[in-house]
Structures are given as structure tokens and as C-alpha cells.
């Protein structure tokens, strides 16, 4: 058998990581987590919000964030783990 050589093409992976398809997947996942956190929130308020932006790690990639929007959502996370449970379920 001959030797197989795999060559890592950084620019190709960068294009994939920054593609619209990956952005859509990250956006959908962040929104799913946000929706689960909102469903776990029994304290009221605005709840949680999802956002997506390009991060710089490894040459750039789409990253999603879910965060609180007000004090009631902060309490829902700090005391009830509404967001934590959304991520781990």
C-alpha cells in the first residue's frame, strides 16, 4: 500500500467556518438554547436573548451567545439555573 498524505488547508476550513451554512446552524442552536432557557424561566421579565458574531479564535468562526436581558432573568439563572439547564439538557 502507498502512503496517504493529508494536507490541512487552513483557508478552506476558514471559508467553511465563516460560511452562511455554519452561521445559520450556530444561529439556530443559540435560538434553541434561548427558547429552552425562556421556558425554564419562572421569574418573568424579558428572559434571555441570543446573538451571533464572528470570533477571532483560529482565524475566525461564527460563535453564538445566550445571555440574560434583565434582573429577573439573572435571578432565574443564578438561583434556578434556567440557562445552565437549557445548555445541559
N, C-alpha and C. Protein backbone atom coordinates (compact mmCIF):
# COMPACT_ATOMS: atom_id res chain seq x y z
N UNK A 1 0.83 -1.18 0.00
CA UNK A 1 0.00 0.00 0.00
C UNK A 1 0.88 1.25 0.00
N UNK A 2 0.39 2.25 -0.69
CA UNK A 2 1.12 3.51 -0.73
C UNK A 2 0.82 4.37 0.48
N UNK A 3 1.64 5.33 0.65
CA UNK A 3 1.47 6.26 1.77
C UNK A 3 0.40 7.29 1.43
N UNK A 4 -0.48 7.55 2.37
CA UNK A 4 -1.51 8.57 2.19
C UNK A 4 -1.11 9.79 2.98
N UNK A 5 -1.18 10.91 2.32
CA UNK A 5 -0.81 12.15 2.98
C UNK A 5 -2.02 13.09 2.98
N UNK A 6 -2.33 13.61 4.12
CA UNK A 6 -3.43 14.57 4.25
C UNK A 6 -2.82 15.94 4.48
N UNK A 7 -3.23 16.89 3.66
CA UNK A 7 -2.73 18.25 3.77
C UNK A 7 -3.87 19.14 4.28
N UNK A 8 -3.62 19.78 5.40
CA UNK A 8 -4.60 20.67 6.02
C UNK A 8 -4.58 22.00 5.29
N UNK A 9 -5.73 22.40 4.75
CA UNK A 9 -5.85 23.66 4.02
C UNK A 9 -6.57 24.67 4.92
N UNK A 10 -5.82 25.47 5.61
CA UNK A 10 -6.39 26.42 6.58
C UNK A 10 -7.42 27.35 5.96
N UNK A 11 -7.13 27.87 4.79
CA UNK A 11 -8.06 28.81 4.15
C UNK A 11 -9.37 28.12 3.81
N UNK A 12 -9.33 26.88 3.41
CA UNK A 12 -10.55 26.14 3.11
C UNK A 12 -11.42 25.95 4.35
N UNK A 13 -10.79 25.57 5.47
CA UNK A 13 -11.54 25.42 6.71
C UNK A 13 -12.08 26.76 7.19
N UNK A 14 -11.32 27.81 6.99
CA UNK A 14 -11.78 29.15 7.38
C UNK A 14 -13.02 29.52 6.59
N UNK A 15 -13.03 29.23 5.30
CA UNK A 15 -14.20 29.53 4.47
C UNK A 15 -15.42 28.75 4.95
N UNK A 16 -15.22 27.51 5.34
CA UNK A 16 -16.33 26.70 5.86
C UNK A 16 -16.83 27.30 7.17
N UNK A 17 -15.92 27.60 8.09
CA UNK A 17 -16.31 28.11 9.41
C UNK A 17 -17.02 29.46 9.33
N UNK A 18 -16.74 30.23 8.28
CA UNK A 18 -17.38 31.54 8.13
C UNK A 18 -18.51 31.52 7.11
N UNK A 19 -18.92 30.35 6.66
CA UNK A 19 -19.97 30.24 5.64
C UNK A 19 -21.35 30.57 6.21
N UNK A 20 -22.27 30.86 5.30
CA UNK A 20 -23.65 31.13 5.71
C UNK A 20 -24.28 29.90 6.35
N UNK A 21 -23.94 28.71 5.87
CA UNK A 21 -24.49 27.48 6.43
C UNK A 21 -24.11 27.31 7.89
N UNK A 22 -22.85 27.56 8.21
CA UNK A 22 -22.41 27.46 9.61
C UNK A 22 -23.05 28.57 10.44
N UNK A 23 -23.15 29.77 9.88
CA UNK A 23 -23.80 30.85 10.61
C UNK A 23 -25.24 30.48 10.94
N UNK A 24 -25.96 29.90 9.98
CA UNK A 24 -27.34 29.51 10.20
C UNK A 24 -27.44 28.42 11.28
N UNK A 25 -26.53 27.46 11.26
CA UNK A 25 -26.53 26.40 12.26
C UNK A 25 -26.26 26.96 13.66
N UNK A 26 -25.29 27.86 13.78
CA UNK A 26 -24.97 28.47 15.07
C UNK A 26 -26.15 29.33 15.55
N UNK A 27 -26.76 30.08 14.64
CA UNK A 27 -27.91 30.91 14.99
C UNK A 27 -29.07 30.05 15.48
N UNK A 28 -29.37 28.98 14.74
CA UNK A 28 -30.46 28.08 15.14
C UNK A 28 -30.20 27.46 16.52
N UNK A 29 -28.96 27.03 16.75
CA UNK A 29 -28.62 26.41 18.02
C UNK A 29 -28.72 27.41 19.17
N UNK A 30 -28.21 28.63 18.96
CA UNK A 30 -28.31 29.66 20.00
C UNK A 30 -29.77 29.98 20.31
N UNK A 31 -30.60 30.04 19.27
CA UNK A 31 -32.03 30.32 19.48
C UNK A 31 -32.73 29.17 20.20
N UNK A 32 -32.36 27.93 19.92
CA UNK A 32 -32.93 26.78 20.63
C UNK A 32 -32.58 26.84 22.12
N UNK A 33 -31.33 27.17 22.42
CA UNK A 33 -30.91 27.28 23.82
C UNK A 33 -31.65 28.43 24.51
N UNK A 34 -31.79 29.56 23.82
CA UNK A 34 -32.53 30.70 24.36
C UNK A 34 -33.97 30.32 24.66
N UNK A 35 -34.61 29.61 23.72
CA UNK A 35 -36.00 29.21 23.92
C UNK A 35 -36.14 28.27 25.11
N UNK A 36 -35.20 27.34 25.27
CA UNK A 36 -35.22 26.43 26.42
C UNK A 36 -35.03 27.21 27.72
N UNK A 37 -34.10 28.18 27.71
CA UNK A 37 -33.87 28.99 28.91
C UNK A 37 -35.11 29.80 29.26
N UNK A 38 -35.77 30.36 28.24
CA UNK A 38 -37.01 31.10 28.49
C UNK A 38 -38.08 30.19 29.07
N UNK A 39 -38.15 28.96 28.58
CA UNK A 39 -39.14 28.00 29.10
C UNK A 39 -38.83 27.64 30.55
N UNK A 40 -37.54 27.65 30.92
CA UNK A 40 -37.13 27.34 32.29
C UNK A 40 -37.29 28.53 33.24
N UNK A 41 -37.51 29.71 32.70
CA UNK A 41 -37.58 30.93 33.49
C UNK A 41 -38.98 31.09 34.10
N UNK A 42 -39.07 30.91 35.40
CA UNK A 42 -40.34 31.07 36.10
C UNK A 42 -40.42 32.42 36.82
N UNK A 43 -39.41 33.27 36.60
CA UNK A 43 -39.35 34.54 37.33
C UNK A 43 -39.87 35.72 36.53
N UNK A 44 -40.23 35.51 35.27
CA UNK A 44 -40.78 36.59 34.44
C UNK A 44 -39.71 37.47 33.83
N UNK A 45 -40.11 38.67 33.49
CA UNK A 45 -39.19 39.59 32.83
C UNK A 45 -39.07 39.28 31.35
N UNK A 46 -38.09 39.90 30.72
CA UNK A 46 -37.88 39.69 29.29
C UNK A 46 -37.26 38.32 29.00
N UNK A 47 -36.52 37.79 29.93
CA UNK A 47 -35.91 36.48 29.72
C UNK A 47 -34.51 36.56 29.19
N UNK A 48 -34.26 35.79 28.14
CA UNK A 48 -32.92 35.64 27.60
C UNK A 48 -32.87 36.11 26.15
N UNK A 49 -31.68 36.36 25.65
CA UNK A 49 -31.53 36.76 24.24
C UNK A 49 -30.37 35.97 23.63
N UNK A 50 -30.49 35.73 22.34
CA UNK A 50 -29.45 35.03 21.59
C UNK A 50 -28.81 36.00 20.60
N UNK A 51 -27.52 35.86 20.41
CA UNK A 51 -26.82 36.65 19.40
C UNK A 51 -25.70 35.82 18.81
N UNK A 52 -25.28 36.21 17.62
CA UNK A 52 -24.22 35.51 16.90
C UNK A 52 -23.26 36.55 16.34
N UNK A 53 -21.97 36.26 16.45
CA UNK A 53 -20.96 37.14 15.89
C UNK A 53 -19.74 36.33 15.47
N UNK A 54 -18.86 36.96 14.73
CA UNK A 54 -17.63 36.30 14.32
C UNK A 54 -16.60 36.47 15.43
N UNK A 55 -16.06 35.35 15.90
CA UNK A 55 -14.99 35.36 16.89
C UNK A 55 -13.65 35.20 16.20
N UNK A 56 -12.59 35.53 16.87
CA UNK A 56 -11.27 35.51 16.27
C UNK A 56 -10.46 34.25 16.46
N UNK A 57 -10.97 33.30 17.25
CA UNK A 57 -10.20 32.09 17.55
C UNK A 57 -9.93 31.29 16.28
N UNK A 58 -8.71 30.88 16.07
CA UNK A 58 -8.36 30.03 14.95
C UNK A 58 -8.56 30.67 13.59
N UNK A 59 -8.49 31.97 13.51
CA UNK A 59 -8.66 32.64 12.23
C UNK A 59 -10.08 33.11 11.96
N UNK A 60 -10.97 32.87 12.89
CA UNK A 60 -12.34 33.36 12.77
C UNK A 60 -13.34 32.25 12.57
N UNK A 61 -14.47 32.39 13.24
CA UNK A 61 -15.59 31.45 13.12
C UNK A 61 -16.80 32.09 13.76
N UNK A 62 -17.99 31.60 13.37
CA UNK A 62 -19.23 32.08 13.98
C UNK A 62 -19.36 31.50 15.38
N UNK A 63 -19.73 32.36 16.34
CA UNK A 63 -19.96 31.90 17.71
C UNK A 63 -21.29 32.47 18.19
N UNK A 64 -22.00 31.67 18.97
CA UNK A 64 -23.29 32.09 19.48
C UNK A 64 -23.23 32.36 20.98
N UNK A 65 -24.05 33.28 21.41
CA UNK A 65 -24.14 33.66 22.82
C UNK A 65 -25.61 33.65 23.23
N UNK A 66 -25.87 33.24 24.45
CA UNK A 66 -27.19 33.42 25.06
C UNK A 66 -26.94 34.09 26.39
N UNK A 67 -27.66 35.18 26.63
CA UNK A 67 -27.43 35.95 27.85
C UNK A 67 -28.75 36.45 28.42
N UNK A 68 -28.68 36.93 29.65
CA UNK A 68 -29.86 37.47 30.32
C UNK A 68 -30.16 38.86 29.79
N UNK A 69 -31.42 39.27 29.92
CA UNK A 69 -31.82 40.60 29.46
C UNK A 69 -32.19 41.55 30.60
N UNK A 70 -32.43 40.99 31.79
CA UNK A 70 -32.86 41.84 32.90
C UNK A 70 -32.59 41.13 34.24
N UNK A 71 -32.91 41.80 35.32
CA UNK A 71 -32.63 41.25 36.66
C UNK A 71 -33.41 39.97 36.94
N UNK A 72 -34.63 39.86 36.41
CA UNK A 72 -35.40 38.64 36.64
C UNK A 72 -34.75 37.45 35.95
N UNK A 73 -34.24 37.65 34.76
CA UNK A 73 -33.54 36.56 34.06
C UNK A 73 -32.23 36.23 34.76
N UNK A 74 -31.57 37.25 35.29
CA UNK A 74 -30.34 36.99 36.06
C UNK A 74 -30.66 36.11 37.27
N UNK A 75 -31.76 36.41 37.96
CA UNK A 75 -32.16 35.61 39.11
C UNK A 75 -32.55 34.20 38.67
N UNK A 76 -33.21 34.09 37.52
CA UNK A 76 -33.61 32.77 37.01
C UNK A 76 -32.39 31.90 36.76
N UNK A 77 -31.31 32.51 36.29
CA UNK A 77 -30.07 31.74 36.08
C UNK A 77 -29.34 31.50 37.40
N UNK A 78 -29.13 32.55 38.18
CA UNK A 78 -28.30 32.40 39.38
C UNK A 78 -28.95 31.52 40.44
N UNK A 79 -30.26 31.56 40.54
CA UNK A 79 -30.94 30.80 41.59
C UNK A 79 -31.59 29.50 41.08
N UNK A 80 -32.05 29.51 39.82
CA UNK A 80 -32.77 28.34 39.29
C UNK A 80 -32.00 27.61 38.19
N UNK A 81 -30.91 28.19 37.73
CA UNK A 81 -30.09 27.61 36.65
C UNK A 81 -30.88 27.43 35.35
N UNK A 82 -31.71 28.42 35.01
CA UNK A 82 -32.55 28.33 33.82
C UNK A 82 -31.72 28.17 32.55
N UNK A 83 -30.67 28.94 32.39
CA UNK A 83 -29.81 28.84 31.21
C UNK A 83 -28.92 27.62 31.27
N UNK A 84 -28.35 27.36 32.42
CA UNK A 84 -27.48 26.19 32.58
C UNK A 84 -28.23 24.91 32.21
N UNK A 85 -29.46 24.78 32.70
CA UNK A 85 -30.26 23.59 32.38
C UNK A 85 -30.59 23.54 30.88
N UNK A 86 -30.76 24.69 30.25
CA UNK A 86 -31.05 24.72 28.81
C UNK A 86 -29.87 24.20 28.00
N UNK A 87 -28.67 24.47 28.47
CA UNK A 87 -27.46 24.03 27.76
C UNK A 87 -27.19 22.55 28.01
N UNK A 88 -27.47 22.09 29.21
CA UNK A 88 -27.10 20.72 29.58
C UNK A 88 -28.19 19.69 29.32
N UNK A 89 -29.37 20.13 28.88
CA UNK A 89 -30.45 19.16 28.66
C UNK A 89 -30.51 18.71 27.21
